[in-house]
Amino acid sequence: MTAEETVNIKEAEIVKLILDFLNSRKLHISMLALEKESGVINGLFSDDMLFLRYKLLHY
């Protein structure tokens, strides 16, 4: 007897999981690159805060 189950996960949730992993490993440049490419931000930040965070990590 085989049991089959389906798990539905939104793509954005998977990206957030990866972003959390990158952040916990202090891989901030990779995290920012993924945020930029995917358009998914892992957190509640204002546009100004996102701009400053990006600038601080690239200098």
C-alpha atoms as a PDB file:
ATOM      1  CA  MET A   1       0.000   0.000   0.000  1.00  0.00           C
ATOM      2  CA  THR A   2       1.476   3.372  -0.977  1.00  0.00           C
ATOM      3  CA  ALA A   3       0.420   6.694   0.430  1.00  0.00           C
ATOM      4  CA  GLU A   4       0.777   9.775  -1.705  1.00  0.00           C
ATOM      5  CA  GLU A   5       0.754  13.258  -0.294  1.00  0.00           C
ATOM      6  CA  THR A   6       1.154  16.608  -1.938  1.00  0.00           C
ATOM      7  CA  VAL A   7       2.737  19.632  -0.344  1.00  0.00           C
ATOM      8  CA  ASN A   8       2.016  23.034  -1.834  1.00  0.00           C
ATOM      9  CA  ILE A   9       4.583  25.719  -1.100  1.00  0.00           C
ATOM     10  CA  LYS A  10       4.652  29.138  -2.681  1.00  0.00           C
ATOM     11  CA  GLU A  11       7.835  30.049  -4.533  1.00  0.00           C
ATOM     12  CA  ALA A  12       8.224  33.182  -2.408  1.00  0.00           C
ATOM     13  CA  GLU A  13       8.300  31.065   0.763  1.00  0.00           C
ATOM     14  CA  ILE A  14      11.138  28.952  -0.617  1.00  0.00           C
ATOM     15  CA  VAL A  15      13.083  32.081  -1.563  1.00  0.00           C
ATOM     16  CA  LYS A  16      12.511  33.486   1.949  1.00  0.00           C
ATOM     17  CA  LEU A  17      13.859  30.259   3.429  1.00  0.00           C
ATOM     18  CA  ILE A  18      16.995  30.530   1.297  1.00  0.00           C
ATOM     19  CA  LEU A  19      17.355  34.218   2.206  1.00  0.00           C
ATOM     20  CA  ASP A  20      17.135  33.335   5.889  1.00  0.00           C
ATOM     21  CA  PHE A  21      19.830  30.684   5.411  1.00  0.00           C
ATOM     22  CA  LEU A  22      22.122  33.150   3.614  1.00  0.00           C
ATOM     23  CA  ASN A  23      21.563  35.766   6.307  1.00  0.00           C
ATOM     24  CA  SER A  24      22.322  33.308   9.132  1.00  0.00           C
ATOM     25  CA  ARG A  25      25.606  32.376   7.416  1.00  0.00           C
ATOM     26  CA  LYS A  26      26.472  36.074   6.961  1.00  0.00           C
ATOM     27  CA  LEU A  27      26.402  35.714   3.167  1.00  0.00           C
ATOM     28  CA  HIS A  28      24.919  39.182   2.786  1.00  0.00           C
ATOM     29  CA  ILE A  29      26.069  39.899  -0.758  1.00  0.00           C
ATOM     30  CA  SER A  30      24.518  36.647  -1.985  1.00  0.00           C
ATOM     31  CA  MET A  31      21.381  37.445  -0.009  1.00  0.00           C
ATOM     32  CA  LEU A  32      21.083  40.881  -1.590  1.00  0.00           C
ATOM     33  CA  ALA A  33      21.693  39.448  -5.055  1.00  0.00           C
ATOM     34  CA  LEU A  34      18.895  36.912  -4.566  1.00  0.00           C
ATOM     35  CA  GLU A  35      16.560  39.624  -3.241  1.00  0.00           C
ATOM     36  CA  LYS A  36      17.331  41.788  -6.255  1.00  0.00           C
ATOM     37  CA  GLU A  37      16.865  38.952  -8.783  1.00  0.00           C
ATOM     38  CA  SER A  38      13.729  37.469  -7.218  1.00  0.00           C
ATOM     39  CA  GLY A  39      12.054  40.638  -5.971  1.00  0.00           C
ATOM     40  CA  VAL A  40      11.397  38.873  -2.655  1.00  0.00           C
ATOM     41  CA  ILE A  41      12.532  40.648   0.509  1.00  0.00           C
ATOM     42  CA  ASN A  42      12.875  38.638   3.715  1.00  0.00           C
ATOM     43  CA  GLY A  43      11.649  41.203   6.206  1.00  0.00           C
ATOM     44  CA  LEU A  44       9.543  44.282   6.602  1.00  0.00           C
ATOM     45  CA  PHE A  45      11.714  47.180   5.468  1.00  0.00           C
ATOM     46  CA  SER A  46      10.821  50.579   4.086  1.00  0.00           C
ATOM     47  CA  ASP A  47      12.205  51.565   0.682  1.00  0.00           C
ATOM     48  CA  ASP A  48      14.646  53.956   2.388  1.00  0.00           C
ATOM     49  CA  MET A  49      15.935  51.219   4.677  1.00  0.00           C
ATOM     50  CA  LEU A  50      16.395  48.825   1.742  1.00  0.00           C
ATOM     51  CA  PHE A  51      18.350  51.485  -0.142  1.00  0.00           C
ATOM     52  CA  LEU A  52      20.622  52.179   2.836  1.00  0.00           C
ATOM     53  CA  ARG A  53      21.128  48.477   3.564  1.00  0.00           C
ATOM     54  CA  TYR A  54      22.152  47.877  -0.035  1.00  0.00           C
ATOM     55  CA  LYS A  55      24.572  50.834  -0.018  1.00  0.00           C
ATOM     56  CA  LEU A  56      26.161  49.865   3.320  1.00  0.00           C
ATOM     57  CA  LEU A  57      26.867  46.301   2.236  1.00  0.00           C
ATOM     58  CA  HIS A  58      28.437  47.330  -1.060  1.00  0.00           C
ATOM     59  CA  TYR A  59      31.014  49.742   0.377  1.00  0.00           C
END
